[in-house]
Amino acid sequence: MFRQFKVVVEKHPDGYVAYPLGIHGIVVGEGDSYEEALADVKSAIEFHVETFGPEVLEVERPVLEAFVAEAGVAV
């Protein structure tokens, strides 16, 4: 089975972190580059589904679009 996922990739001073949207549980990938983080999270998704079963992909409401925004908040 092949399925597309929306994945957020964050750039940090010490590398990249990637995580998919719309999966039950926590799945994270990391790497020194964008490509490494994306490859790692793809592998992590496969492992997560193999470990916990396809039920982790059954979400009530699938993510249709994802946006990144900044918001100023007084703290």
C-alpha atoms as a PDB file:
ATOM      1  CA  MET A   1       0.000   0.000   0.000  1.00  0.00           C
ATOM      2  CA  PHE A   2       1.255   3.474  -0.841  1.00  0.00           C
ATOM      3  CA  ARG A   3      -0.004   6.597   0.887  1.00  0.00           C
ATOM      4  CA  GLN A   4       0.979  10.268   0.811  1.00  0.00           C
ATOM      5  CA  PHE A   5       1.572  12.124   4.094  1.00  0.00           C
ATOM      6  CA  LYS A   6       1.962  15.783   4.871  1.00  0.00           C
ATOM      7  CA  VAL A   7       5.268  16.144   6.699  1.00  0.00           C
ATOM      8  CA  VAL A   8       6.534  19.159   8.620  1.00  0.00           C
ATOM      9  CA  VAL A   9      10.307  19.637   8.404  1.00  0.00           C
ATOM     10  CA  GLU A  10      11.890  22.066  10.861  1.00  0.00           C
ATOM     11  CA  LYS A  11      15.398  23.476  10.529  1.00  0.00           C
ATOM     12  CA  HIS A  12      17.250  23.860  13.830  1.00  0.00           C
ATOM     13  CA  PRO A  13      20.805  25.051  14.552  1.00  0.00           C
ATOM     14  CA  ASP A  14      21.950  21.439  15.015  1.00  0.00           C
ATOM     15  CA  GLY A  15      20.015  19.800  12.137  1.00  0.00           C
ATOM     16  CA  TYR A  16      16.532  19.032  10.852  1.00  0.00           C
ATOM     17  CA  VAL A  17      13.498  17.423  12.498  1.00  0.00           C
ATOM     18  CA  ALA A  18      10.552  16.019  10.534  1.00  0.00           C
ATOM     19  CA  TYR A  19       7.164  14.736  11.640  1.00  0.00           C
ATOM     20  CA  PRO A  20       4.047  13.651   9.761  1.00  0.00           C
ATOM     21  CA  LEU A  21       0.561  15.030  10.293  1.00  0.00           C
ATOM     22  CA  GLY A  22      -2.511  12.852  10.682  1.00  0.00           C
ATOM     23  CA  ILE A  23      -1.055   9.738  12.319  1.00  0.00           C
ATOM     24  CA  HIS A  24      -2.021   8.387  15.746  1.00  0.00           C
ATOM     25  CA  GLY A  25       1.041   8.333  17.980  1.00  0.00           C
ATOM     26  CA  ILE A  26       4.365  10.087  17.816  1.00  0.00           C
ATOM     27  CA  VAL A  27       6.574   9.684  14.754  1.00  0.00           C
ATOM     28  CA  VAL A  28       9.730  11.772  14.318  1.00  0.00           C
ATOM     29  CA  GLY A  29      12.692  11.747  11.970  1.00  0.00           C
ATOM     30  CA  GLU A  30      15.911  13.724  12.118  1.00  0.00           C
ATOM     31  CA  GLY A  31      19.014  14.377  10.068  1.00  0.00           C
ATOM     32  CA  ASP A  32      21.814  16.754   9.224  1.00  0.00           C
ATOM     33  CA  SER A  33      19.978  17.805   6.045  1.00  0.00           C
ATOM     34  CA  TYR A  34      16.401  18.243   4.871  1.00  0.00           C
ATOM     35  CA  GLU A  35      16.704  15.115   2.737  1.00  0.00           C
ATOM     36  CA  GLU A  36      18.096  13.016   5.610  1.00  0.00           C
ATOM     37  CA  ALA A  37      15.286  14.099   7.939  1.00  0.00           C
ATOM     38  CA  LEU A  38      12.656  13.330   5.306  1.00  0.00           C
ATOM     39  CA  ALA A  39      14.143   9.895   4.606  1.00  0.00           C
ATOM     40  CA  ASP A  40      14.333   9.180   8.343  1.00  0.00           C
ATOM     41  CA  VAL A  41      10.702  10.134   8.966  1.00  0.00           C
ATOM     42  CA  LYS A  42       9.570   7.966   6.039  1.00  0.00           C
ATOM     43  CA  SER A  43      11.376   5.043   7.625  1.00  0.00           C
ATOM     44  CA  ALA A  44       9.851   5.930  11.019  1.00  0.00           C
ATOM     45  CA  ILE A  45       6.331   5.969   9.521  1.00  0.00           C
ATOM     46  CA  GLU A  46       6.866   2.501   8.018  1.00  0.00           C
ATOM     47  CA  PHE A  47       8.168   1.193  11.357  1.00  0.00           C
ATOM     48  CA  HIS A  48       5.260   2.783  13.251  1.00  0.00           C
ATOM     49  CA  VAL A  49       2.676   1.120  10.985  1.00  0.00           C
ATOM     50  CA  GLU A  50       4.497  -2.244  11.124  1.00  0.00           C
ATOM     51  CA  THR A  51       4.651  -2.040  14.926  1.00  0.00           C
ATOM     52  CA  PHE A  52       1.175  -0.745  15.766  1.00  0.00           C
ATOM     53  CA  GLY A  53      -0.806  -1.781  12.689  1.00  0.00           C
ATOM     54  CA  PRO A  54      -2.663   0.151   9.999  1.00  0.00           C
ATOM     55  CA  GLU A  55      -5.110   1.449  12.601  1.00  0.00           C
ATOM     56  CA  VAL A  56      -2.637   4.281  13.337  1.00  0.00           C
ATOM     57  CA  LEU A  57      -3.555   5.691   9.926  1.00  0.00           C
ATOM     58  CA  GLU A  58      -7.272   5.774  10.671  1.00  0.00           C
ATOM     59  CA  VAL A  59      -7.840   9.340  11.788  1.00  0.00           C
ATOM     60  CA  GLU A  60     -11.241  10.929  12.250  1.00  0.00           C
ATOM     61  CA  ARG A  61     -10.494  13.899  10.084  1.00  0.00           C
ATOM     62  CA  PRO A  62      -7.604  13.746   7.617  1.00  0.00           C
ATOM     63  CA  VAL A  63      -5.320  16.744   7.254  1.00  0.00           C
ATOM     64  CA  LEU A  64      -6.280  18.469   4.006  1.00  0.00           C
ATOM     65  CA  GLU A  65      -3.748  21.290   4.114  1.00  0.00           C
ATOM     66  CA  ALA A  66      -1.051  22.457   6.481  1.00  0.00           C
ATOM     67  CA  PHE A  67       0.092  26.035   7.032  1.00  0.00           C
ATOM     68  CA  VAL A  68       2.963  27.588   8.928  1.00  0.00           C
ATOM     69  CA  ALA A  69       2.299  30.960  10.499  1.00  0.00           C
ATOM     70  CA  GLU A  70       3.842  33.207  13.107  1.00  0.00           C
ATOM     71  CA  ALA A  71       1.822  34.811  15.845  1.00  0.00           C
ATOM     72  CA  GLY A  72       3.022  37.265  18.479  1.00  0.00           C
ATOM     73  CA  VAL A  73       1.837  36.394  21.968  1.00  0.00           C
ATOM     74  CA  ALA A  74       2.422  38.345  25.194  1.00  0.00           C
ATOM     75  CA  VAL A  75       3.983  35.996  27.733  1.00  0.00           C
END
